[in-house]
Amino acid sequence: MPMSDTFERHLANGTLIERGLLGEQGLEGLYEVFDSEGRPCLKCAYLGGERHGTSDYFKNGRLSMRQNLIQNQLHGITQSFDDSERLAAELSYANGLLHGASKFYS
């Protein structure tokens, strides 16, 4: 059975700034990064050391972008959000390249 270790990094004041799981090939499963106030900056999924699945990016703790990746390549719909977390744009990717129609909302 493969070995894996969870890890966390904290600031001197104890605030969590990073956590994840290291497997034999690198990051595995959920990986999270937080700002100095403990708000989320990044939540993404890894498989075999590569981003694989949904990645959420945050600005000031609010969702700003959601991407889907397969083996480190954008694949599917990437969504961007405004400062109120309303959907601002949708871009479609296939194998890391823009593919199909893009939609922009106001």
PDB file of N, CA and C in Angstrom:
ATOM      1  N   MET A   1       0.854  -1.185   0.000  1.00  0.00           N
ATOM      2  CA  MET A   1       0.000   0.000   0.000  1.00  0.00           C
ATOM      3  C   MET A   1       0.894   1.241   0.000  1.00  0.00           C
ATOM      4  N   PRO A   2       0.591   2.256  -0.836  1.00  0.00           N
ATOM      5  CA  PRO A   2       1.410   3.464  -0.906  1.00  0.00           C
ATOM      6  C   PRO A   2       1.413   4.229   0.414  1.00  0.00           C
ATOM      7  N   MET A   3       2.530   4.859   0.698  1.00  0.00           N
ATOM      8  CA  MET A   3       2.661   5.676   1.899  1.00  0.00           C
ATOM      9  C   MET A   3       2.223   7.103   1.576  1.00  0.00           C
ATOM     10  N   SER A   4       1.638   7.775   2.551  1.00  0.00           N
ATOM     11  CA  SER A   4       1.289   9.181   2.392  1.00  0.00           C
ATOM     12  C   SER A   4       1.353   9.853   3.755  1.00  0.00           C
ATOM     13  N   ASP A   5       1.649  11.132   3.731  1.00  0.00           N
ATOM     14  CA  ASP A   5       1.763  11.912   4.962  1.00  0.00           C
ATOM     15  C   ASP A   5       1.005  13.213   4.807  1.00  0.00           C
ATOM     16  N   THR A   6       0.210  13.540   5.807  1.00  0.00           N
ATOM     17  CA  THR A   6      -0.446  14.840   5.809  1.00  0.00           C
ATOM     18  C   THR A   6       0.546  15.877   6.320  1.00  0.00           C
ATOM     19  N   PHE A   7       0.394  17.102   5.867  1.00  0.00           N
ATOM     20  CA  PHE A   7       1.258  18.169   6.356  1.00  0.00           C
ATOM     21  C   PHE A   7       0.444  19.440   6.516  1.00  0.00           C
ATOM     22  N   GLU A   8       0.924  20.282   7.406  1.00  0.00           N
ATOM     23  CA  GLU A   8       0.349  21.602   7.629  1.00  0.00           C
ATOM     24  C   GLU A   8       1.489  22.568   7.891  1.00  0.00           C
ATOM     25  N   ARG A   9       1.311  23.801   7.420  1.00  0.00           N
ATOM     26  CA  ARG A   9       2.250  24.880   7.745  1.00  0.00           C
ATOM     27  C   ARG A   9       1.454  25.998   8.398  1.00  0.00           C
ATOM     28  N   HIS A  10       2.053  26.570   9.437  1.00  0.00           N
ATOM     29  CA  HIS A  10       1.399  27.627  10.204  1.00  0.00           C
ATOM     30  C   HIS A  10       2.330  28.826  10.324  1.00  0.00           C
ATOM     31  N   LEU A  11       1.747  29.994  10.464  1.00  0.00           N
ATOM     32  CA  LEU A  11       2.515  31.183  10.803  1.00  0.00           C
ATOM     33  C   LEU A  11       2.910  31.112  12.273  1.00  0.00           C
ATOM     34  N   ALA A  12       3.799  31.991  12.691  1.00  0.00           N
ATOM     35  CA  ALA A  12       4.248  32.011  14.085  1.00  0.00           C
ATOM     36  C   ALA A  12       3.078  32.199  15.052  1.00  0.00           C
ATOM     37  N   ASN A  13       2.017  32.893  14.609  1.00  0.00           N
ATOM     38  CA  ASN A  13       0.851  33.109  15.477  1.00  0.00           C
ATOM     39  C   ASN A  13      -0.117  31.924  15.480  1.00  0.00           C
ATOM     40  N   GLY A  14       0.228  30.868  14.739  1.00  0.00           N
ATOM     41  CA  GLY A  14      -0.600  29.667  14.713  1.00  0.00           C
ATOM     42  C   GLY A  14      -1.581  29.584  13.558  1.00  0.00           C
ATOM     43  N   THR A  15      -1.694  30.642  12.763  1.00  0.00           N
ATOM     44  CA  THR A  15      -2.629  30.645  11.638  1.00  0.00           C
ATOM     45  C   THR A  15      -2.193  29.636  10.581  1.00  0.00           C
ATOM     46  N   LEU A  16      -3.105  28.772  10.206  1.00  0.00           N
ATOM     47  CA  LEU A  16      -2.847  27.776   9.166  1.00  0.00           C
ATOM     48  C   LEU A  16      -2.718  28.472   7.818  1.00  0.00           C
ATOM     49  N   ILE A  17      -1.620  28.185   7.065  1.00  0.00           N
ATOM     50  CA  ILE A  17      -1.463  28.783   5.738  1.00  0.00           C
ATOM     51  C   ILE A  17      -1.371  27.741   4.625  1.00  0.00           C
ATOM     52  N   GLU A  18      -1.181  26.476   4.972  1.00  0.00           N
ATOM     53  CA  GLU A  18      -1.081  25.443   3.935  1.00  0.00           C
ATOM     54  C   GLU A  18      -1.355  24.083   4.563  1.00  0.00           C
ATOM     55  N   ARG A  19      -2.063  23.231   3.797  1.00  0.00           N
ATOM     56  CA  ARG A  19      -2.258  21.857   4.266  1.00  0.00           C
ATOM     57  C   ARG A  19      -2.508  20.958   3.068  1.00  0.00           C
ATOM     58  N   GLY A  20      -2.079  19.728   3.203  1.00  0.00           N
ATOM     59  CA  GLY A  20      -2.264  18.783   2.118  1.00  0.00           C
ATOM     60  C   GLY A  20      -1.781  17.404   2.501  1.00  0.00           C
ATOM     61  N   LEU A  21      -1.665  16.571   1.499  1.00  0.00           N
ATOM     62  CA  LEU A  21      -1.251  15.186   1.663  1.00  0.00           C
ATOM     63  C   LEU A  21      -0.165  14.904   0.641  1.00  0.00           C
ATOM     64  N   LEU A  22       0.964  14.402   1.121  1.00  0.00           N
ATOM     65  CA  LEU A  22       2.061  14.023   0.233  1.00  0.00           C
ATOM     66  C   LEU A  22       2.060  12.517   0.048  1.00  0.00           C
ATOM     67  N   GLY A  23       2.034  12.086  -1.189  1.00  0.00           N
ATOM     68  CA  GLY A  23       2.136  10.676  -1.526  1.00  0.00           C
ATOM     69  C   GLY A  23       3.494  10.392  -2.141  1.00  0.00           C
ATOM     70  N   GLU A  24       3.657   9.214  -2.664  1.00  0.00           N
ATOM     71  CA  GLU A  24       4.935   8.817  -3.252  1.00  0.00           C
ATOM     72  C   GLU A  24       5.293   9.645  -4.483  1.00  0.00           C
ATOM     73  N   GLN A  25       4.293  10.156  -5.201  1.00  0.00           N
ATOM     74  CA  GLN A  25       4.543  10.919  -6.428  1.00  0.00           C
ATOM     75  C   GLN A  25       4.328  12.418  -6.254  1.00  0.00           C
ATOM     76  N   GLY A  26       4.161  12.868  -5.036  1.00  0.00           N
ATOM     77  CA  GLY A  26       3.923  14.292  -4.774  1.00  0.00           C
ATOM     78  C   GLY A  26       2.591  14.495  -4.091  1.00  0.00           C
ATOM     79  N   LEU A  27       1.992  15.644  -4.318  1.00  0.00           N
ATOM     80  CA  LEU A  27       0.716  15.957  -3.683  1.00  0.00           C
ATOM     81  C   LEU A  27      -0.363  14.974  -4.117  1.00  0.00           C
ATOM     82  N   GLU A  28      -1.252  14.655  -3.168  1.00  0.00           N
ATOM     83  CA  GLU A  28      -2.380  13.747  -3.397  1.00  0.00           C
ATOM     84  C   GLU A  28      -3.609  14.325  -2.720  1.00  0.00           C
ATOM     85  N   GLY A  29      -4.742  14.239  -3.378  1.00  0.00           N
ATOM     86  CA  GLY A  29      -5.989  14.668  -2.761  1.00  0.00           C
ATOM     87  C   GLY A  29      -6.103  16.173  -2.642  1.00  0.00           C
ATOM     88  N   LEU A  30      -6.814  16.621  -1.615  1.00  0.00           N
ATOM     89  CA  LEU A  30      -7.084  18.042  -1.432  1.00  0.00           C
ATOM     90  C   LEU A  30      -5.841  18.772  -0.935  1.00  0.00           C
ATOM     91  N   TYR A  31      -5.522  19.882  -1.592  1.00  0.00           N
ATOM     92  CA  TYR A  31      -4.426  20.769  -1.187  1.00  0.00           C
ATOM     93  C   TYR A  31      -5.032  22.148  -0.991  1.00  0.00           C
ATOM     94  N   GLU A  32      -4.698  22.791   0.133  1.00  0.00           N
ATOM     95  CA  GLU A  32      -5.285  24.087   0.455  1.00  0.00           C
ATOM     96  C   GLU A  32      -4.211  25.088   0.874  1.00  0.00           C
ATOM     97  N   VAL A  33      -4.397  26.336   0.450  1.00  0.00           N
ATOM     98  CA  VAL A  33      -3.530  27.449   0.841  1.00  0.00           C
ATOM     99  C   VAL A  33      -4.426  28.545   1.408  1.00  0.00           C
ATOM    100  N   PHE A  34      -3.957  29.176   2.484  1.00  0.00           N
ATOM    101  CA  PHE A  34      -4.722  30.216   3.166  1.00  0.00           C
ATOM    102  C   PHE A  34      -3.870  31.472   3.300  1.00  0.00           C
ATOM    103  N   ASP A  35      -4.520  32.638   3.395  1.00  0.00           N
ATOM    104  CA  ASP A  35      -3.770  33.878   3.589  1.00  0.00           C
ATOM    105  C   ASP A  35      -3.435  34.056   5.068  1.00  0.00           C
ATOM    106  N   SER A  36      -2.778  35.153   5.392  1.00  0.00           N
ATOM    107  CA  SER A  36      -2.312  35.380   6.766  1.00  0.00           C
ATOM    108  C   SER A  36      -3.455  35.568   7.756  1.00  0.00           C
ATOM    109  N   GLU A  37      -4.662  35.779   7.248  1.00  0.00           N
ATOM    110  CA  GLU A  37      -5.835  35.887   8.115  1.00  0.00           C
ATOM    111  C   GLU A  37      -6.617  34.579   8.187  1.00  0.00           C
ATOM    112  N   GLY A  38      -6.104  33.542   7.536  1.00  0.00           N
ATOM    113  CA  GLY A  38      -6.750  32.241   7.568  1.00  0.00           C
ATOM    114  C   GLY A  38      -7.833  32.042   6.526  1.00  0.00           C
ATOM    115  N   ARG A  39      -7.994  33.016   5.624  1.00  0.00           N
ATOM    116  CA  ARG A  39      -9.001  32.896   4.568  1.00  0.00           C
ATOM    117  C   ARG A  39      -8.447  32.041   3.431  1.00  0.00           C
ATOM    118  N   PRO A  40      -9.307  31.284   2.755  1.00  0.00           N
ATOM    119  CA  PRO A  40      -8.814  30.438   1.660  1.00  0.00           C
ATOM    120  C   PRO A  40      -8.271  31.265   0.496  1.00  0.00           C
ATOM    121  N   CYS A  41      -7.180  30.789  -0.091  1.00  0.00           N
ATOM    122  CA  CYS A  41      -6.608  31.357  -1.325  1.00  0.00           C
ATOM    123  C   CYS A  41      -6.736  30.355  -2.461  1.00  0.00           C
ATOM    124  N   LEU A  42      -6.558  29.084  -2.141  1.00  0.00           N
ATOM    125  CA  LEU A  42      -6.555  28.032  -3.153  1.00  0.00           C
ATOM    126  C   LEU A  42      -7.026  26.729  -2.529  1.00  0.00           C
ATOM    127  N   LYS A  43      -7.893  26.040  -3.232  1.00  0.00           N
ATOM    128  CA  LYS A  43      -8.290  24.673  -2.888  1.00  0.00           C
ATOM    129  C   LYS A  43      -8.267  23.897  -4.185  1.00  0.00           C
ATOM    130  N   CYS A  44      -7.450  22.859  -4.250  1.00  0.00           N
ATOM    131  CA  CYS A  44      -7.377  22.092  -5.487  1.00  0.00           C
ATOM    132  C   CYS A  44      -7.118  20.624  -5.186  1.00  0.00           C
ATOM    133  N   ALA A  45      -7.397  19.809  -6.175  1.00  0.00           N
ATOM    134  CA  ALA A  45      -7.242  18.366  -6.050  1.00  0.00           C
ATOM    135  C   ALA A  45      -6.026  17.907  -6.843  1.00  0.00           C
ATOM    136  N   TYR A  46      -5.311  16.966  -6.270  1.00  0.00           N
ATOM    137  CA  TYR A  46      -4.134  16.381  -6.919  1.00  0.00           C
ATOM    138  C   TYR A  46      -4.297  14.872  -7.014  1.00  0.00           C
ATOM    139  N   LEU A  47      -3.704  14.324  -8.053  1.00  0.00           N
ATOM    140  CA  LEU A  47      -3.650  12.880  -8.242  1.00  0.00           C
ATOM    141  C   LEU A  47      -2.273  12.558  -8.807  1.00  0.00           C
ATOM    142  N   GLY A  48      -1.501  11.786  -8.077  1.00  0.00           N
ATOM    143  CA  GLY A  48      -0.167  11.414  -8.542  1.00  0.00           C
ATOM    144  C   GLY A  48       0.750  12.597  -8.768  1.00  0.00           C
ATOM    145  N   GLY A  49       0.616  13.643  -7.958  1.00  0.00           N
ATOM    146  CA  GLY A  49       1.470  14.817  -8.071  1.00  0.00           C
ATOM    147  C   GLY A  49       1.039  15.822  -9.116  1.00  0.00           C
ATOM    148  N   GLU A  50      -0.082  15.583  -9.791  1.00  0.00           N
ATOM    149  CA  GLU A  50      -0.584  16.504 -10.812  1.00  0.00           C
ATOM    150  C   GLU A  50      -1.954  17.025 -10.401  1.00  0.00           C
ATOM    151  N   ARG A  51      -2.215  18.301 -10.757  1.00  0.00           N
ATOM    152  CA  ARG A  51      -3.555  18.822 -10.493  1.00  0.00           C
ATOM    153  C   ARG A  51      -4.538  18.034 -11.348  1.00  0.00           C
ATOM    154  N   HIS A  52      -5.573  17.547 -10.692  1.00  0.00           N
ATOM    155  CA  HIS A  52      -6.533  16.673 -11.361  1.00  0.00           C
ATOM    156  C   HIS A  52      -7.869  16.825 -10.638  1.00  0.00           C
ATOM    157  N   GLY A  53      -8.808  17.474 -11.280  1.00  0.00           N
ATOM    158  CA  GLY A  53     -10.098  17.728 -10.654  1.00  0.00           C
ATOM    159  C   GLY A  53     -10.349  19.222 -10.584  1.00  0.00           C
ATOM    160  N   THR A  54     -11.110  19.634  -9.604  1.00  0.00           N
ATOM    161  CA  THR A  54     -11.508  21.033  -9.476  1.00  0.00           C
ATOM    162  C   THR A  54     -10.479  21.829  -8.686  1.00  0.00           C
ATOM    163  N   SER A  55     -10.170  23.023  -9.186  1.00  0.00           N
ATOM    164  CA  SER A  55      -9.323  23.985  -8.474  1.00  0.00           C
ATOM    165  C   SER A  55     -10.130  25.254  -8.272  1.00  0.00           C
ATOM    166  N   ASP A  56     -10.212  25.705  -7.026  1.00  0.00           N
ATOM    167  CA  ASP A  56     -10.902  26.946  -6.690  1.00  0.00           C
ATOM    168  C   ASP A  56      -9.879  27.965  -6.203  1.00  0.00           C
ATOM    169  N   TYR A  57      -9.942  29.172  -6.765  1.00  0.00           N
ATOM    170  CA  TYR A  57      -9.066  30.271  -6.374  1.00  0.00           C
ATOM    171  C   TYR A  57      -9.908  31.325  -5.682  1.00  0.00           C
ATOM    172  N   PHE A  58      -9.349  31.924  -4.643  1.00  0.00           N
ATOM    173  CA  PHE A  58     -10.081  32.888  -3.837  1.00  0.00           C
ATOM    174  C   PHE A  58      -9.312  34.203  -3.742  1.00  0.00           C
ATOM    175  N   LYS A  59     -10.053  35.306  -3.689  1.00  0.00           N
ATOM    176  CA  LYS A  59      -9.483  36.639  -3.466  1.00  0.00           C
ATOM    177  C   LYS A  59     -10.175  37.202  -2.235  1.00  0.00           C
ATOM    178  N   ASN A  60      -9.401  37.516  -1.222  1.00  0.00           N
ATOM    179  CA  ASN A  60      -9.948  38.007   0.048  1.00  0.00           C
ATOM    180  C   ASN A  60     -10.986  37.041   0.616  1.00  0.00           C
ATOM    181  N   GLY A  61     -10.741  35.751   0.437  1.00  0.00           N
ATOM    182  CA  GLY A  61     -11.631  34.734   0.977  1.00  0.00           C
ATOM    183  C   GLY A  61     -12.862  34.445   0.142  1.00  0.00           C
ATOM    184  N   ARG A  62     -13.026  35.146  -0.983  1.00  0.00           N
ATOM    185  CA  ARG A  62     -14.194  34.950  -1.853  1.00  0.00           C
ATOM    186  C   ARG A  62     -13.778  34.235  -3.131  1.00  0.00           C
ATOM    187  N   LEU A  63     -14.631  33.352  -3.596  1.00  0.00           N
ATOM    188  CA  LEU A  63     -14.348  32.596  -4.811  1.00  0.00           C
ATOM    189  C   LEU A  63     -14.160  33.543  -5.991  1.00  0.00           C
ATOM    190  N   SER A  64     -13.020  33.414  -6.697  1.00  0.00           N
ATOM    191  CA  SER A  64     -12.767  34.262  -7.865  1.00  0.00           C
ATOM    192  C   SER A  64     -12.660  33.456  -9.155  1.00  0.00           C
ATOM    193  N   MET A  65     -12.278  32.178  -9.053  1.00  0.00           N
ATOM    194  CA  MET A  65     -12.167  31.351 -10.256  1.00  0.00           C
ATOM    195  C   MET A  65     -12.291  29.876  -9.884  1.00  0.00           C
ATOM    196  N   ARG A  66     -12.934  29.138 -10.765  1.00  0.00           N
ATOM    197  CA  ARG A  66     -13.049  27.679 -10.614  1.00  0.00           C
ATOM    198  C   ARG A  66     -12.620  27.048 -11.932  1.00  0.00           C
ATOM    199  N   GLN A  67     -11.668  26.132 -11.843  1.00  0.00           N
ATOM    200  CA  GLN A  67     -11.148  25.448 -13.025  1.00  0.00           C
ATOM    201  C   GLN A  67     -11.267  23.946 -12.838  1.00  0.00           C
ATOM    202  N   ASN A  68     -11.353  23.247 -13.953  1.00  0.00           N
ATOM    203  CA  ASN A  68     -11.307  21.792 -13.953  1.00  0.00           C
ATOM    204  C   ASN A  68     -10.073  21.373 -14.734  1.00  0.00           C
ATOM    205  N   LEU A  69      -9.331  20.445 -14.158  1.00  0.00           N
ATOM    206  CA  LEU A  69      -8.091  20.002 -14.788  1.00  0.00           C
ATOM    207  C   LEU A  69      -8.027  18.483 -14.842  1.00  0.00           C
ATOM    208  N   ILE A  70      -7.371  17.994 -15.862  1.00  0.00           N
ATOM    209  CA  ILE A  70      -7.039  16.578 -15.981  1.00  0.00           C
ATOM    210  C   ILE A  70      -5.544  16.515 -16.253  1.00  0.00           C
ATOM    211  N   GLN A  71      -4.827  15.880 -15.364  1.00  0.00           N
ATOM    212  CA  GLN A  71      -3.371  15.748 -15.477  1.00  0.00           C
ATOM    213  C   GLN A  71      -2.708  17.085 -15.802  1.00  0.00           C
ATOM    214  N   ASN A  72      -2.966  18.091 -14.974  1.00  0.00           N
ATOM    215  CA  ASN A  72      -2.376  19.433 -15.068  1.00  0.00           C
ATOM    216  C   ASN A  72      -2.849  20.248 -16.264  1.00  0.00           C
ATOM    217  N   GLN A  73      -3.810  19.782 -17.037  1.00  0.00           N
ATOM    218  CA  GLN A  73      -4.304  20.539 -18.188  1.00  0.00           C
ATOM    219  C   GLN A  73      -5.755  20.953 -17.962  1.00  0.00           C
ATOM    220  N   LEU A  74      -6.034  22.219 -18.299  1.00  0.00           N
ATOM    221  CA  LEU A  74      -7.416  22.681 -18.214  1.00  0.00           C
ATOM    222  C   LEU A  74      -8.285  21.836 -19.132  1.00  0.00           C
ATOM    223  N   HIS A  75      -9.427  21.413 -18.594  1.00  0.00           N
ATOM    224  CA  HIS A  75     -10.344  20.598 -19.386  1.00  0.00           C
ATOM    225  C   HIS A  75     -11.749  20.799 -18.819  1.00  0.00           C
ATOM    226  N   GLY A  76     -12.642  21.282 -19.646  1.00  0.00           N
ATOM    227  CA  GLY A  76     -13.994  21.578 -19.191  1.00  0.00           C
ATOM    228  C   GLY A  76     -14.177  23.076 -19.037  1.00  0.00           C
ATOM    229  N   ILE A  77     -15.124  23.459 -18.208  1.00  0.00           N
ATOM    230  CA  ILE A  77     -15.489  24.865 -18.051  1.00  0.00           C
ATOM    231  C   ILE A  77     -14.658  25.513 -16.950  1.00  0.00           C
ATOM    232  N   THR A  78     -14.057  26.656 -17.271  1.00  0.00           N
ATOM    233  CA  THR A  78     -13.417  27.515 -16.278  1.00  0.00           C
ATOM    234  C   THR A  78     -14.356  28.685 -16.041  1.00  0.00           C
ATOM    235  N   GLN A  79     -14.660  28.940 -14.785  1.00  0.00           N
ATOM    236  CA  GLN A  79     -15.566  30.024 -14.431  1.00  0.00           C
ATOM    237  C   GLN A  79     -14.805  31.087 -13.650  1.00  0.00           C
ATOM    238  N   SER A  80     -15.080  32.357 -13.956  1.00  0.00           N
ATOM    239  CA  SER A  80     -14.545  33.446 -13.137  1.00  0.00           C
ATOM    240  C   SER A  80     -15.720  34.184 -12.513  1.00  0.00           C
ATOM    241  N   PHE A  81     -15.459  34.750 -11.336  1.00  0.00           N
ATOM    242  CA  PHE A  81     -16.504  35.378 -10.546  1.00  0.00           C
ATOM    243  C   PHE A  81     -16.085  36.796 -10.177  1.00  0.00           C
ATOM    244  N   ASP A  82     -17.062  37.698 -10.038  1.00  0.00           N
ATOM    245  CA  ASP A  82     -16.761  39.066  -9.626  1.00  0.00           C
ATOM    246  C   ASP A  82     -16.561  39.111  -8.110  1.00  0.00           C
ATOM    247  N   ASP A  83     -16.334  40.312  -7.576  1.00  0.00           N
ATOM    248  CA  ASP A  83     -16.044  40.454  -6.145  1.00  0.00           C
ATOM    249  C   ASP A  83     -17.212  40.060  -5.249  1.00  0.00           C
ATOM    250  N   SER A  84     -18.421  39.958  -5.829  1.00  0.00           N
ATOM    251  CA  SER A  84     -19.592  39.511  -5.069  1.00  0.00           C
ATOM    252  C   SER A  84     -19.879  38.033  -5.308  1.00  0.00           C
ATOM    253  N   GLU A  85     -18.929  37.353  -5.938  1.00  0.00           N
ATOM    254  CA  GLU A  85     -19.014  35.923  -6.258  1.00  0.00           C
ATOM    255  C   GLU A  85     -20.124  35.599  -7.259  1.00  0.00           C
ATOM    256  N   ARG A  86     -20.493  36.598  -8.079  1.00  0.00           N
ATOM    257  CA  ARG A  86     -21.438  36.349  -9.168  1.00  0.00           C
ATOM    258  C   ARG A  86     -20.647  35.898 -10.387  1.00  0.00           C
ATOM    259  N   LEU A  87     -21.214  34.989 -11.143  1.00  0.00           N
ATOM    260  CA  LEU A  87     -20.554  34.468 -12.332  1.00  0.00           C
ATOM    261  C   LEU A  87     -20.287  35.594 -13.325  1.00  0.00           C
ATOM    262  N   ALA A  88     -19.018  35.751 -13.743  1.00  0.00           N
ATOM    263  CA  ALA A  88     -18.629  36.813 -14.676  1.00  0.00           C
ATOM    264  C   ALA A  88     -18.273  36.266 -16.049  1.00  0.00           C
ATOM    265  N   ALA A  89     -17.735  35.053 -16.108  1.00  0.00           N
ATOM    266  CA  ALA A  89     -17.327  34.493 -17.401  1.00  0.00           C
ATOM    267  C   ALA A  89     -17.220  32.981 -17.307  1.00  0.00           C
ATOM    268  N   GLU A  90     -17.424  32.341 -18.449  1.00  0.00           N
ATOM    269  CA  GLU A  90     -17.227  30.898 -18.587  1.00  0.00           C
ATOM    270  C   GLU A  90     -16.429  30.654 -19.860  1.00  0.00           C
ATOM    271  N   LEU A  91     -15.348  29.930 -19.725  1.00  0.00           N
ATOM    272  CA  LEU A  91     -14.509  29.581 -20.869  1.00  0.00           C
ATOM    273  C   LEU A  91     -14.380  28.072 -20.914  1.00  0.00           C
ATOM    274  N   SER A  92     -14.459  27.522 -22.090  1.00  0.00           N
ATOM    275  CA  SER A  92     -14.402  26.077 -22.266  1.00  0.00           C
ATOM    276  C   SER A  92     -13.015  25.667 -22.750  1.00  0.00           C
ATOM    277  N   TYR A  93     -12.462  24.642 -22.122  1.00  0.00           N
ATOM    278  CA  TYR A  93     -11.139  24.130 -22.477  1.00  0.00           C
ATOM    279  C   TYR A  93     -11.216  22.646 -22.801  1.00  0.00           C
ATOM    280  N   ALA A  94     -10.346  22.218 -23.693  1.00  0.00           N
ATOM    281  CA  ALA A  94     -10.162  20.798 -23.988  1.00  0.00           C
ATOM    282  C   ALA A  94      -8.660  20.553 -24.113  1.00  0.00           C
ATOM    283  N   ASN A  95      -8.162  19.663 -23.294  1.00  0.00           N
ATOM    284  CA  ASN A  95      -6.737  19.310 -23.316  1.00  0.00           C
ATOM    285  C   ASN A  95      -5.824  20.528 -23.217  1.00  0.00           C
ATOM    286  N   GLY A  96      -6.183  21.485 -22.370  1.00  0.00           N
ATOM    287  CA  GLY A  96      -5.348  22.645 -22.118  1.00  0.00           C
ATOM    288  C   GLY A  96      -5.526  23.809 -23.073  1.00  0.00           C
ATOM    289  N   LEU A  97      -6.378  23.671 -24.086  1.00  0.00           N
ATOM    290  CA  LEU A  97      -6.578  24.723 -25.083  1.00  0.00           C
ATOM    291  C   LEU A  97      -8.010  25.230 -25.050  1.00  0.00           C
ATOM    292  N   LEU A  98      -8.170  26.557 -25.273  1.00  0.00           N
ATOM    293  CA  LEU A  98      -9.524  27.094 -25.395  1.00  0.00           C
ATOM    294  C   LEU A  98     -10.262  26.341 -26.484  1.00  0.00           C
ATOM    295  N   HIS A  99     -11.523  25.997 -26.195  1.00  0.00           N
ATOM    296  CA  HIS A  99     -12.272  25.172 -27.136  1.00  0.00           C
ATOM    297  C   HIS A  99     -13.744  25.550 -27.032  1.00  0.00           C
ATOM    298  N   GLY A 100     -14.320  25.986 -28.118  1.00  0.00           N
ATOM    299  CA  GLY A 100     -15.741  26.318 -28.116  1.00  0.00           C
ATOM    300  C   GLY A 100     -15.992  27.752 -27.695  1.00  0.00           C
ATOM    301  N   ALA A 101     -17.245  28.022 -27.419  1.00  0.00           N
ATOM    302  CA  ALA A 101     -17.692  29.381 -27.119  1.00  0.00           C
ATOM    303  C   ALA A 101     -17.305  29.797 -25.705  1.00  0.00           C
ATOM    304  N   SER A 102     -16.998  31.073 -25.566  1.00  0.00           N
ATOM    305  CA  SER A 102     -16.787  31.683 -24.255  1.00  0.00           C
ATOM    306  C   SER A 102     -17.996  32.560 -23.966  1.00  0.00           C
ATOM    307  N   LYS A 103     -18.372  32.631 -22.708  1.00  0.00           N
ATOM    308  CA  LYS A 103     -19.526  33.437 -22.307  1.00  0.00           C
ATOM    309  C   LYS A 103     -19.080  34.452 -21.266  1.00  0.00           C
ATOM    310  N   PHE A 104     -19.541  35.693 -21.431  1.00  0.00           N
ATOM    311  CA  PHE A 104     -19.228  36.759 -20.490  1.00  0.00           C
ATOM    312  C   PHE A 104     -20.536  37.359 -19.995  1.00  0.00           C
ATOM    313  N   TYR A 105     -20.610  37.615 -18.697  1.00  0.00           N
ATOM    314  CA  TYR A 105     -21.834  38.110 -18.076  1.00  0.00           C
ATOM    315  C   TYR A 105     -21.554  39.466 -17.439  1.00  0.00           C
ATOM    316  N   SER A 106     -22.602  40.298 -17.398  1.00  0.00           N
ATOM    317  CA  SER A 106     -22.429  41.606 -16.748  1.00  0.00           C
ATOM    318  C   SER A 106     -23.386  41.757 -15.586  1.00  0.00           C
TER     319      SER A 106
END
